[in-house]
Amino acid sequence: MLVVFTNKSGGTVEMFEQAAIALIKLMGRREAVPSAISAEDLPEALETLQASLAEIKKEEQAAEQESELDEDEDDTPKPLGMSTRAFPLVELMQQSIKDGSYLMWDHR
């Protein structure tokens, strides 16, 4: 199932539910779909998300370095990191803050 993030400016970001729920939790919000964040609360949610993503990125890089040491000429593609998955949502949140808009999400 997909979750669609939107703002009043017409921006949208779609992602699979599992990744969306994880990002919602990283924002410090409850796992409810549908839900929203007011324009007043959005800067704090973005800051919380970015701080959480920075910690996750450190962990992912450490795990990647460790796996490179153990890796034998493996052509298996690497999974997308959480920071990469979050990038469109972070941009939508930044645009929402700039526009003084809320952010809401619902199932598609």
PDB file of N, CA and C in Angstrom:
ATOM      1  N   MET A   1       0.840  -1.166   0.000  1.00  0.00           N
ATOM      2  CA  MET A   1       0.000   0.000   0.000  1.00  0.00           C
ATOM      3  C   MET A   1       0.900   1.249   0.000  1.00  0.00           C
ATOM      4  N   LEU A   2       0.440   2.303  -0.635  1.00  0.00           N
ATOM      5  CA  LEU A   2       1.187   3.552  -0.697  1.00  0.00           C
ATOM      6  C   LEU A   2       0.665   4.566   0.303  1.00  0.00           C
ATOM      7  N   VAL A   3       1.556   5.421   0.766  1.00  0.00           N
ATOM      8  CA  VAL A   3       1.196   6.567   1.591  1.00  0.00           C
ATOM      9  C   VAL A   3       1.599   7.803   0.789  1.00  0.00           C
ATOM     10  N   VAL A   4       0.689   8.772   0.720  1.00  0.00           N
ATOM     11  CA  VAL A   4       0.934  10.000  -0.029  1.00  0.00           C
ATOM     12  C   VAL A   4       1.026  11.157   0.957  1.00  0.00           C
ATOM     13  N   PHE A   5       2.155  11.868   0.911  1.00  0.00           N
ATOM     14  CA  PHE A   5       2.361  13.075   1.706  1.00  0.00           C
ATOM     15  C   PHE A   5       2.010  14.264   0.814  1.00  0.00           C
ATOM     16  N   THR A   6       1.241  15.216   1.350  1.00  0.00           N
ATOM     17  CA  THR A   6       0.856  16.404   0.578  1.00  0.00           C
ATOM     18  C   THR A   6       0.928  17.650   1.454  1.00  0.00           C
ATOM     19  N   ASN A   7       0.956  18.800   0.777  1.00  0.00           N
ATOM     20  CA  ASN A   7       0.836  20.080   1.475  1.00  0.00           C
ATOM     21  C   ASN A   7      -0.166  20.939   0.721  1.00  0.00           C
ATOM     22  N   LYS A   8      -0.510  22.099   1.262  1.00  0.00           N
ATOM     23  CA  LYS A   8      -1.531  22.921   0.611  1.00  0.00           C
ATOM     24  C   LYS A   8      -1.026  23.586  -0.655  1.00  0.00           C
ATOM     25  N   SER A   9       0.287  23.565  -0.889  1.00  0.00           N
ATOM     26  CA  SER A   9       0.857  24.135  -2.103  1.00  0.00           C
ATOM     27  C   SER A   9       0.740  23.183  -3.287  1.00  0.00           C
ATOM     28  N   GLY A  10       0.285  21.978  -3.034  1.00  0.00           N
ATOM     29  CA  GLY A  10       0.099  21.019  -4.115  1.00  0.00           C
ATOM     30  C   GLY A  10       1.232  20.037  -4.276  1.00  0.00           C
ATOM     31  N   GLY A  11       2.243  20.096  -3.420  1.00  0.00           N
ATOM     32  CA  GLY A  11       3.340  19.142  -3.492  1.00  0.00           C
ATOM     33  C   GLY A  11       2.889  17.780  -2.995  1.00  0.00           C
ATOM     34  N   THR A  12       3.427  16.724  -3.605  1.00  0.00           N
ATOM     35  CA  THR A  12       3.118  15.360  -3.166  1.00  0.00           C
ATOM     36  C   THR A  12       4.361  14.491  -3.222  1.00  0.00           C
ATOM     37  N   VAL A  13       4.409  13.553  -2.301  1.00  0.00           N
ATOM     38  CA  VAL A  13       5.441  12.518  -2.279  1.00  0.00           C
ATOM     39  C   VAL A  13       4.732  11.219  -1.956  1.00  0.00           C
ATOM     40  N   GLU A  14       4.970  10.201  -2.781  1.00  0.00           N
ATOM     41  CA  GLU A  14       4.391   8.876  -2.547  1.00  0.00           C
ATOM     42  C   GLU A  14       5.501   7.913  -2.166  1.00  0.00           C
ATOM     43  N   MET A  15       5.201   7.048  -1.210  1.00  0.00           N
ATOM     44  CA  MET A  15       6.158   5.998  -0.856  1.00  0.00           C
ATOM     45  C   MET A  15       5.419   4.806  -0.271  1.00  0.00           C
ATOM     46  N   PHE A  16       6.103   3.682  -0.280  1.00  0.00           N
ATOM     47  CA  PHE A  16       5.510   2.484   0.288  1.00  0.00           C
ATOM     48  C   PHE A  16       5.270   2.685   1.780  1.00  0.00           C
ATOM     49  N   GLU A  17       4.216   2.039   2.264  1.00  0.00           N
ATOM     50  CA  GLU A  17       3.764   2.242   3.641  1.00  0.00           C
ATOM     51  C   GLU A  17       4.849   1.964   4.672  1.00  0.00           C
ATOM     52  N   GLN A  18       5.614   0.903   4.505  1.00  0.00           N
ATOM     53  CA  GLN A  18       6.630   0.550   5.498  1.00  0.00           C
ATOM     54  C   GLN A  18       7.654   1.676   5.661  1.00  0.00           C
ATOM     55  N   ALA A  19       8.157   2.226   4.561  1.00  0.00           N
ATOM     56  CA  ALA A  19       9.122   3.325   4.628  1.00  0.00           C
ATOM     57  C   ALA A  19       8.454   4.586   5.176  1.00  0.00           C
ATOM     58  N   ALA A  20       7.223   4.849   4.753  1.00  0.00           N
ATOM     59  CA  ALA A  20       6.513   6.044   5.213  1.00  0.00           C
ATOM     60  C   ALA A  20       6.297   6.012   6.722  1.00  0.00           C
ATOM     61  N   ILE A  21       5.864   4.879   7.245  1.00  0.00           N
ATOM     62  CA  ILE A  21       5.635   4.742   8.691  1.00  0.00           C
ATOM     63  C   ILE A  21       6.946   4.936   9.445  1.00  0.00           C
ATOM     64  N   ALA A  22       8.029   4.368   8.922  1.00  0.00           N
ATOM     65  CA  ALA A  22       9.332   4.530   9.584  1.00  0.00           C
ATOM     66  C   ALA A  22       9.726   6.004   9.641  1.00  0.00           C
ATOM     67  N   LEU A  23       9.512   6.737   8.562  1.00  0.00           N
ATOM     68  CA  LEU A  23       9.857   8.160   8.533  1.00  0.00           C
ATOM     69  C   LEU A  23       8.947   8.980   9.440  1.00  0.00           C
ATOM     70  N   ILE A  24       7.685   8.619   9.490  1.00  0.00           N
ATOM     71  CA  ILE A  24       6.743   9.312  10.386  1.00  0.00           C
ATOM     72  C   ILE A  24       7.208   9.138  11.835  1.00  0.00           C
ATOM     73  N   LYS A  25       7.626   7.918  12.190  1.00  0.00           N
ATOM     74  CA  LYS A  25       8.139   7.676  13.536  1.00  0.00           C
ATOM     75  C   LYS A  25       9.413   8.467  13.798  1.00  0.00           C
ATOM     76  N   LEU A  26      10.286   8.578  12.778  1.00  0.00           N
ATOM     77  CA  LEU A  26      11.523   9.339  12.939  1.00  0.00           C
ATOM     78  C   LEU A  26      11.256  10.830  13.119  1.00  0.00           C
ATOM     79  N   MET A  27      10.091  11.301  12.676  1.00  0.00           N
ATOM     80  CA  MET A  27       9.691  12.700  12.890  1.00  0.00           C
ATOM     81  C   MET A  27       9.206  12.927  14.318  1.00  0.00           C
ATOM     82  N   GLY A  28       9.062  11.828  15.068  1.00  0.00           N
ATOM     83  CA  GLY A  28       8.555  11.944  16.425  1.00  0.00           C
ATOM     84  C   GLY A  28       7.039  11.948  16.485  1.00  0.00           C
ATOM     85  N   ARG A  29       6.414  11.459  15.427  1.00  0.00           N
ATOM     86  CA  ARG A  29       4.955  11.419  15.361  1.00  0.00           C
ATOM     87  C   ARG A  29       4.474   9.996  15.596  1.00  0.00           C
ATOM     88  N   ARG A  30       3.190   9.867  15.906  1.00  0.00           N
ATOM     89  CA  ARG A  30       2.629   8.523  16.068  1.00  0.00           C
ATOM     90  C   ARG A  30       2.369   7.921  14.690  1.00  0.00           C
ATOM     91  N   GLU A  31       2.239   6.620  14.645  1.00  0.00           N
ATOM     92  CA  GLU A  31       2.164   5.874  13.394  1.00  0.00           C
ATOM     93  C   GLU A  31       0.795   5.925  12.727  1.00  0.00           C
ATOM     94  N   ALA A  32       0.058   6.982  12.884  1.00  0.00           N
ATOM     95  CA  ALA A  32      -1.288   7.059  12.343  1.00  0.00           C
ATOM     96  C   ALA A  32      -1.279   7.480  10.877  1.00  0.00           C
ATOM     97  N   VAL A  33      -2.084   6.780  10.088  1.00  0.00           N
ATOM     98  CA  VAL A  33      -2.331   7.154   8.700  1.00  0.00           C
ATOM     99  C   VAL A  33      -3.831   7.048   8.518  1.00  0.00           C
ATOM    100  N   PRO A  34      -4.509   8.138   8.226  1.00  0.00           N
ATOM    101  CA  PRO A  34      -4.048   9.484   7.883  1.00  0.00           C
ATOM    102  C   PRO A  34      -3.731  10.319   9.123  1.00  0.00           C
ATOM    103  N   SER A  35      -2.932  11.353   8.896  1.00  0.00           N
ATOM    104  CA  SER A  35      -2.600  12.298   9.947  1.00  0.00           C
ATOM    105  C   SER A  35      -1.987  13.537   9.304  1.00  0.00           C
ATOM    106  N   ALA A  36      -1.553  14.481  10.139  1.00  0.00           N
ATOM    107  CA  ALA A  36      -0.983  15.725   9.627  1.00  0.00           C
ATOM    108  C   ALA A  36      -0.113  16.375  10.682  1.00  0.00           C
ATOM    109  N   ILE A  37       0.697  17.329  10.220  1.00  0.00           N
ATOM    110  CA  ILE A  37       1.500  18.160  11.106  1.00  0.00           C
ATOM    111  C   ILE A  37       1.177  19.603  10.753  1.00  0.00           C
ATOM    112  N   SER A  38       0.856  20.387  11.770  1.00  0.00           N
ATOM    113  CA  SER A  38       0.535  21.791  11.523  1.00  0.00           C
ATOM    114  C   SER A  38       1.776  22.562  11.088  1.00  0.00           C
ATOM    115  N   ALA A  39       1.552  23.699  10.471  1.00  0.00           N
ATOM    116  CA  ALA A  39       2.659  24.549  10.022  1.00  0.00           C
ATOM    117  C   ALA A  39       3.545  24.950  11.197  1.00  0.00           C
ATOM    118  N   GLU A  40       2.953  25.146  12.366  1.00  0.00           N
ATOM    119  CA  GLU A  40       3.713  25.553  13.544  1.00  0.00           C
ATOM    120  C   GLU A  40       4.621  24.439  14.063  1.00  0.00           C
ATOM    121  N   ASP A  41       4.197  23.191  13.929  1.00  0.00           N
ATOM    122  CA  ASP A  41       4.958  22.051  14.440  1.00  0.00           C
ATOM    123  C   ASP A  41       5.924  21.459  13.418  1.00  0.00           C
ATOM    124  N   LEU A  42       5.804  21.882  12.168  1.00  0.00           N
ATOM    125  CA  LEU A  42       6.606  21.287  11.102  1.00  0.00           C
ATOM    126  C   LEU A  42       8.114  21.521  11.241  1.00  0.00           C
ATOM    127  N   PRO A  43       8.582  22.721  11.615  1.00  0.00           N
ATOM    128  CA  PRO A  43      10.040  22.895  11.768  1.00  0.00           C
ATOM    129  C   PRO A  43      10.657  21.929  12.789  1.00  0.00           C
ATOM    130  N   GLU A  44       9.985  21.716  13.901  1.00  0.00           N
ATOM    131  CA  GLU A  44      10.501  20.793  14.916  1.00  0.00           C
ATOM    132  C   GLU A  44      10.501  19.360  14.395  1.00  0.00           C
ATOM    133  N   ALA A  45       9.450  18.971  13.676  1.00  0.00           N
ATOM    134  CA  ALA A  45       9.386  17.625  13.111  1.00  0.00           C
ATOM    135  C   ALA A  45      10.502  17.410  12.088  1.00  0.00           C
ATOM    136  N   LEU A  46      10.785  18.426  11.275  1.00  0.00           N
ATOM    137  CA  LEU A  46      11.866  18.326  10.289  1.00  0.00           C
ATOM    138  C   LEU A  46      13.219  18.201  10.985  1.00  0.00           C
ATOM    139  N   GLU A  47      13.425  18.975  12.009  1.00  0.00           N
ATOM    140  CA  GLU A  47      14.684  18.914  12.761  1.00  0.00           C
ATOM    141  C   GLU A  47      14.875  17.533  13.393  1.00  0.00           C
ATOM    142  N   THR A  48      13.814  16.999  13.961  1.00  0.00           N
ATOM    143  CA  THR A  48      13.857  15.672  14.575  1.00  0.00           C
ATOM    144  C   THR A  48      14.165  14.608  13.526  1.00  0.00           C
ATOM    145  N   LEU A  49      13.500  14.717  12.371  1.00  0.00           N
ATOM    146  CA  LEU A  49      13.731  13.760  11.290  1.00  0.00           C
ATOM    147  C   LEU A  49      15.174  13.819  10.805  1.00  0.00           C
ATOM    148  N   GLN A  50      15.694  15.013  10.578  1.00  0.00           N
ATOM    149  CA  GLN A  50      17.061  15.155  10.077  1.00  0.00           C
ATOM    150  C   GLN A  50      18.089  14.633  11.086  1.00  0.00           C
ATOM    151  N   ALA A  51      17.865  14.874  12.360  1.00  0.00           N
ATOM    152  CA  ALA A  51      18.774  14.357  13.385  1.00  0.00           C
ATOM    153  C   ALA A  51      18.738  12.827  13.420  1.00  0.00           C
ATOM    154  N   SER A  52      17.551  12.257  13.307  1.00  0.00           N
ATOM    155  CA  SER A  52      17.415  10.797  13.289  1.00  0.00           C
ATOM    156  C   SER A  52      18.080  10.201  12.058  1.00  0.00           C
ATOM    157  N   LEU A  53      17.895  10.854  10.911  1.00  0.00           N
ATOM    158  CA  LEU A  53      18.499  10.372   9.672  1.00  0.00           C
ATOM    159  C   LEU A  53      20.020  10.436   9.721  1.00  0.00           C
ATOM    160  N   ALA A  54      20.566  11.458  10.370  1.00  0.00           N
ATOM    161  CA  ALA A  54      22.021  11.576  10.501  1.00  0.00           C
ATOM    162  C   ALA A  54      22.582  10.395  11.302  1.00  0.00           C
ATOM    163  N   GLU A  55      21.897  10.009  12.365  1.00  0.00           N
ATOM    164  CA  GLU A  55      22.327   8.856  13.164  1.00  0.00           C
ATOM    165  C   GLU A  55      22.228   7.561  12.360  1.00  0.00           C
ATOM    166  N   ILE A  56      21.139   7.412  11.636  1.00  0.00           N
ATOM    167  CA  ILE A  56      20.948   6.210  10.822  1.00  0.00           C
ATOM    168  C   ILE A  56      22.019   6.134   9.735  1.00  0.00           C
ATOM    169  N   LYS A  57      22.340   7.272   9.136  1.00  0.00           N
ATOM    170  CA  LYS A  57      23.346   7.294   8.073  1.00  0.00           C
ATOM    171  C   LYS A  57      24.708   6.835   8.606  1.00  0.00           C
ATOM    172  N   LYS A  58      25.061   7.260   9.814  1.00  0.00           N
ATOM    173  CA  LYS A  58      26.311   6.813  10.430  1.00  0.00           C
ATOM    174  C   LYS A  58      26.312   5.295  10.584  1.00  0.00           C
ATOM    175  N   GLU A  59      25.197   4.743  11.053  1.00  0.00           N
ATOM    176  CA  GLU A  59      25.085   3.301  11.240  1.00  0.00           C
ATOM    177  C   GLU A  59      25.168   2.575   9.900  1.00  0.00           C
ATOM    178  N   GLU A  60      24.496   3.118   8.880  1.00  0.00           N
ATOM    179  CA  GLU A  60      24.522   2.491   7.553  1.00  0.00           C
ATOM    180  C   GLU A  60      25.933   2.513   6.966  1.00  0.00           C
ATOM    181  N   GLN A  61      26.643   3.609   7.138  1.00  0.00           N
ATOM    182  CA  GLN A  61      28.007   3.706   6.619  1.00  0.00           C
ATOM    183  C   GLN A  61      28.933   2.727   7.327  1.00  0.00           C
ATOM    184  N   ALA A  62      28.767   2.592   8.627  1.00  0.00           N
ATOM    185  CA  ALA A  62      29.589   1.644   9.377  1.00  0.00           C
ATOM    186  C   ALA A  62      29.304   0.214   8.921  1.00  0.00           C
ATOM    187  N   ALA A  63      28.054  -0.105   8.718  1.00  0.00           N
ATOM    188  CA  ALA A  63      27.680  -1.444   8.260  1.00  0.00           C
ATOM    189  C   ALA A  63      28.199  -1.687   6.843  1.00  0.00           C
ATOM    190  N   GLU A  64      28.155  -0.665   5.998  1.00  0.00           N
ATOM    191  CA  GLU A  64      28.637  -0.791   4.627  1.00  0.00           C
ATOM    192  C   GLU A  64      30.146  -1.040   4.597  1.00  0.00           C
ATOM    193  N   GLN A  65      30.871  -0.310   5.435  1.00  0.00           N
ATOM    194  CA  GLN A  65      32.323  -0.508   5.495  1.00  0.00           C
ATOM    195  C   GLN A  65      32.653  -1.916   5.968  1.00  0.00           C
ATOM    196  N   GLU A  66      31.903  -2.385   6.943  1.00  0.00           N
ATOM    197  CA  GLU A  66      32.135  -3.733   7.456  1.00  0.00           C
ATOM    198  C   GLU A  66      31.828  -4.778   6.397  1.00  0.00           C
ATOM    199  N   SER A  67      30.747  -4.576   5.645  1.00  0.00           N
ATOM    200  CA  SER A  67      30.385  -5.556   4.615  1.00  0.00           C
ATOM    201  C   SER A  67      31.362  -5.526   3.449  1.00  0.00           C
ATOM    202  N   GLU A  68      31.967  -4.386   3.171  1.00  0.00           N
ATOM    203  CA  GLU A  68      32.965  -4.306   2.104  1.00  0.00           C
ATOM    204  C   GLU A  68      34.194  -5.132   2.442  1.00  0.00           C
ATOM    205  N   LEU A  69      34.519  -5.227   3.702  1.00  0.00           N
ATOM    206  CA  LEU A  69      35.661  -6.032   4.125  1.00  0.00           C
ATOM    207  C   LEU A  69      35.386  -7.522   3.948  1.00  0.00           C
ATOM    208  N   ASP A  70      34.128  -7.908   4.156  1.00  0.00           N
ATOM    209  CA  ASP A  70      33.738  -9.312   4.069  1.00  0.00           C
ATOM    210  C   ASP A  70      33.298  -9.719   2.665  1.00  0.00           C
ATOM    211  N   GLU A  71      33.172  -8.769   1.769  1.00  0.00           N
ATOM    212  CA  GLU A  71      32.570  -9.007   0.465  1.00  0.00           C
ATOM    213  C   GLU A  71      33.529  -9.685  -0.507  1.00  0.00           C
ATOM    214  N   ASP A  72      33.032 -10.685  -1.187  1.00  0.00           N
ATOM    215  CA  ASP A  72      33.748 -11.332  -2.280  1.00  0.00           C
ATOM    216  C   ASP A  72      33.047 -10.939  -3.569  1.00  0.00           C
ATOM    217  N   GLU A  73      33.671 -10.332  -4.480  1.00  0.00           N
ATOM    218  CA  GLU A  73      33.165  -9.987  -5.808  1.00  0.00           C
ATOM    219  C   GLU A  73      31.676 -10.294  -5.973  1.00  0.00           C
ATOM    220  N   ASP A  74      30.857  -9.708  -5.150  1.00  0.00           N
ATOM    221  CA  ASP A  74      29.411  -9.935  -5.173  1.00  0.00           C
ATOM    222  C   ASP A  74      28.750  -8.828  -5.981  1.00  0.00           C
ATOM    223  N   ASP A  75      27.903  -9.202  -6.939  1.00  0.00           N
ATOM    224  CA  ASP A  75      27.214  -8.220  -7.779  1.00  0.00           C
ATOM    225  C   ASP A  75      25.826  -7.875  -7.249  1.00  0.00           C
ATOM    226  N   THR A  76      25.535  -8.233  -6.015  1.00  0.00           N
ATOM    227  CA  THR A  76      24.237  -7.949  -5.429  1.00  0.00           C
ATOM    228  C   THR A  76      24.083  -6.446  -5.225  1.00  0.00           C
ATOM    229  N   PRO A  77      22.978  -5.870  -5.732  1.00  0.00           N
ATOM    230  CA  PRO A  77      22.784  -4.431  -5.534  1.00  0.00           C
ATOM    231  C   PRO A  77      22.570  -4.093  -4.060  1.00  0.00           C
ATOM    232  N   LYS A  78      23.060  -2.939  -3.665  1.00  0.00           N
ATOM    233  CA  LYS A  78      22.909  -2.508  -2.275  1.00  0.00           C
ATOM    234  C   LYS A  78      21.537  -1.871  -2.095  1.00  0.00           C
ATOM    235  N   PRO A  79      20.897  -2.120  -0.950  1.00  0.00           N
ATOM    236  CA  PRO A  79      19.585  -1.521  -0.714  1.00  0.00           C
ATOM    237  C   PRO A  79      19.709  -0.005  -0.523  1.00  0.00           C
ATOM    238  N   LEU A  80      18.624   0.700  -0.828  1.00  0.00           N
ATOM    239  CA  LEU A  80      18.599   2.142  -0.618  1.00  0.00           C
ATOM    240  C   LEU A  80      18.605   2.440   0.866  1.00  0.00           C
ATOM    241  N   GLY A  81      19.405   3.407   1.260  1.00  0.00           N
ATOM    242  CA  GLY A  81      19.448   3.819   2.657  1.00  0.00           C
ATOM    243  C   GLY A  81      18.234   4.674   3.007  1.00  0.00           C
ATOM    244  N   MET A  82      17.974   4.786   4.282  1.00  0.00           N
ATOM    245  CA  MET A  82      16.827   5.566   4.745  1.00  0.00           C
ATOM    246  C   MET A  82      16.959   7.034   4.358  1.00  0.00           C
ATOM    247  N   SER A  83      18.165   7.576   4.363  1.00  0.00           N
ATOM    248  CA  SER A  83      18.366   8.977   3.975  1.00  0.00           C
ATOM    249  C   SER A  83      17.972   9.207   2.528  1.00  0.00           C
ATOM    250  N   THR A  84      18.281   8.256   1.678  1.00  0.00           N
ATOM    251  CA  THR A  84      17.904   8.357   0.270  1.00  0.00           C
ATOM    252  C   THR A  84      16.397   8.291   0.112  1.00  0.00           C
ATOM    253  N   ARG A  85      15.768   7.381   0.839  1.00  0.00           N
ATOM    254  CA  ARG A  85      14.304   7.267   0.773  1.00  0.00           C
ATOM    255  C   ARG A  85      13.618   8.531   1.310  1.00  0.00           C
ATOM    256  N   ALA A  86      14.244   9.165   2.294  1.00  0.00           N
ATOM    257  CA  ALA A  86      13.641  10.327   2.950  1.00  0.00           C
ATOM    258  C   ALA A  86      13.812  11.623   2.169  1.00  0.00           C
ATOM    259  N   PHE A  87      14.749  11.664   1.225  1.00  0.00           N
ATOM    260  CA  PHE A  87      15.090  12.914   0.542  1.00  0.00           C
ATOM    261  C   PHE A  87      13.878  13.660  -0.033  1.00  0.00           C
ATOM    262  N   PRO A  88      12.979  13.007  -0.786  1.00  0.00           N
ATOM    263  CA  PRO A  88      11.820  13.755  -1.314  1.00  0.00           C
ATOM    264  C   PRO A  88      10.914  14.299  -0.212  1.00  0.00           C
ATOM    265  N   LEU A  89      10.764  13.542   0.867  1.00  0.00           N
ATOM    266  CA  LEU A  89       9.926  13.994   1.975  1.00  0.00           C
ATOM    267  C   LEU A  89      10.558  15.192   2.672  1.00  0.00           C
ATOM    268  N   VAL A  90      11.865  15.165   2.876  1.00  0.00           N
ATOM    269  CA  VAL A  90      12.563  16.292   3.502  1.00  0.00           C
ATOM    270  C   VAL A  90      12.380  17.547   2.649  1.00  0.00           C
ATOM    271  N   GLU A  91      12.500  17.405   1.335  1.00  0.00           N
ATOM    272  CA  GLU A  91      12.303  18.551   0.447  1.00  0.00           C
ATOM    273  C   GLU A  91      10.870  19.078   0.527  1.00  0.00           C
ATOM    274  N   LEU A  92       9.889  18.176   0.577  1.00  0.00           N
ATOM    275  CA  LEU A  92       8.494  18.592   0.703  1.00  0.00           C
ATOM    276  C   LEU A  92       8.270  19.314   2.028  1.00  0.00           C
ATOM    277  N   MET A  93       8.882  18.825   3.088  1.00  0.00           N
ATOM    278  CA  MET A  93       8.746  19.474   4.393  1.00  0.00           C
ATOM    279  C   MET A  93       9.375  20.866   4.368  1.00  0.00           C
ATOM    280  N   GLN A  94      10.541  20.985   3.752  1.00  0.00           N
ATOM    281  CA  GLN A  94      11.197  22.293   3.659  1.00  0.00           C
ATOM    282  C   GLN A  94      10.345  23.269   2.855  1.00  0.00           C
ATOM    283  N   GLN A  95       9.758  22.793   1.761  1.00  0.00           N
ATOM    284  CA  GLN A  95       8.883  23.647   0.956  1.00  0.00           C
ATOM    285  C   GLN A  95       7.643  24.046   1.745  1.00  0.00           C
ATOM    286  N   SER A  96       7.103  23.128   2.519  1.00  0.00           N
ATOM    287  CA  SER A  96       5.916  23.418   3.333  1.00  0.00           C
ATOM    288  C   SER A  96       6.224  24.492   4.374  1.00  0.00           C
ATOM    289  N   ILE A  97       7.395  24.401   4.983  1.00  0.00           N
ATOM    290  CA  ILE A  97       7.800  25.403   5.976  1.00  0.00           C
ATOM    291  C   ILE A  97       7.946  26.759   5.307  1.00  0.00           C
ATOM    292  N   LYS A  98       8.581  26.775   4.154  1.00  0.00           N
ATOM    293  CA  LYS A  98       8.778  28.021   3.405  1.00  0.00           C
ATOM    294  C   LYS A  98       7.437  28.667   3.049  1.00  0.00           C
ATOM    295  N   ASP A  99       6.448  27.837   2.686  1.00  0.00           N
ATOM    296  CA  ASP A  99       5.126  28.331   2.296  1.00  0.00           C
ATOM    297  C   ASP A  99       4.193  28.554   3.482  1.00  0.00           C
ATOM    298  N   GLY A 100       4.639  28.180   4.682  1.00  0.00           N
ATOM    299  CA  GLY A 100       3.768  28.296   5.860  1.00  0.00           C
ATOM    300  C   GLY A 100       2.627  27.296   5.806  1.00  0.00           C
ATOM    301  N   SER A 101       2.882  26.148   5.248  1.00  0.00           N
ATOM    302  CA  SER A 101       1.861  25.139   5.011  1.00  0.00           C
ATOM    303  C   SER A 101       1.982  23.992   6.007  1.00  0.00           C
ATOM    304  N   TYR A 102       0.920  23.231   6.113  1.00  0.00           N
ATOM    305  CA  TYR A 102       0.902  22.005   6.895  1.00  0.00           C
ATOM    306  C   TYR A 102       1.431  20.868   6.023  1.00  0.00           C
ATOM    307  N   LEU A 103       1.641  19.699   6.638  1.00  0.00           N
ATOM    308  CA  LEU A 103       1.975  18.479   5.918  1.00  0.00           C
ATOM    309  C   LEU A 103       0.985  17.423   6.374  1.00  0.00           C
ATOM    310  N   MET A 104       0.373  16.763   5.414  1.00  0.00           N
ATOM    311  CA  MET A 104      -0.541  15.685   5.781  1.00  0.00           C
ATOM    312  C   MET A 104      -0.245  14.454   4.942  1.00  0.00           C
ATOM    313  N   TRP A 105      -0.723  13.310   5.424  1.00  0.00           N
ATOM    314  CA  TRP A 105      -0.508  12.067   4.716  1.00  0.00           C
ATOM    315  C   TRP A 105      -1.698  11.168   4.860  1.00  0.00           C
ATOM    316  N   ASP A 106      -1.886  10.331   3.838  1.00  0.00           N
ATOM    317  CA  ASP A 106      -3.013   9.407   3.802  1.00  0.00           C
ATOM    318  C   ASP A 106      -2.651   8.245   2.882  1.00  0.00           C
ATOM    319  N   HIS A 107      -3.428   7.174   2.959  1.00  0.00           N
ATOM    320  CA  HIS A 107      -3.224   6.038   2.054  1.00  0.00           C
ATOM    321  C   HIS A 107      -3.721   6.382   0.665  1.00  0.00           C
ATOM    322  N   ARG A 108      -3.103   5.781  -0.308  1.00  0.00           N
ATOM    323  CA  ARG A 108      -3.584   5.937  -1.689  1.00  0.00           C
ATOM    324  C   ARG A 108      -4.152   4.619  -2.109  1.00  0.00           C
TER     325      ARG A 108
END
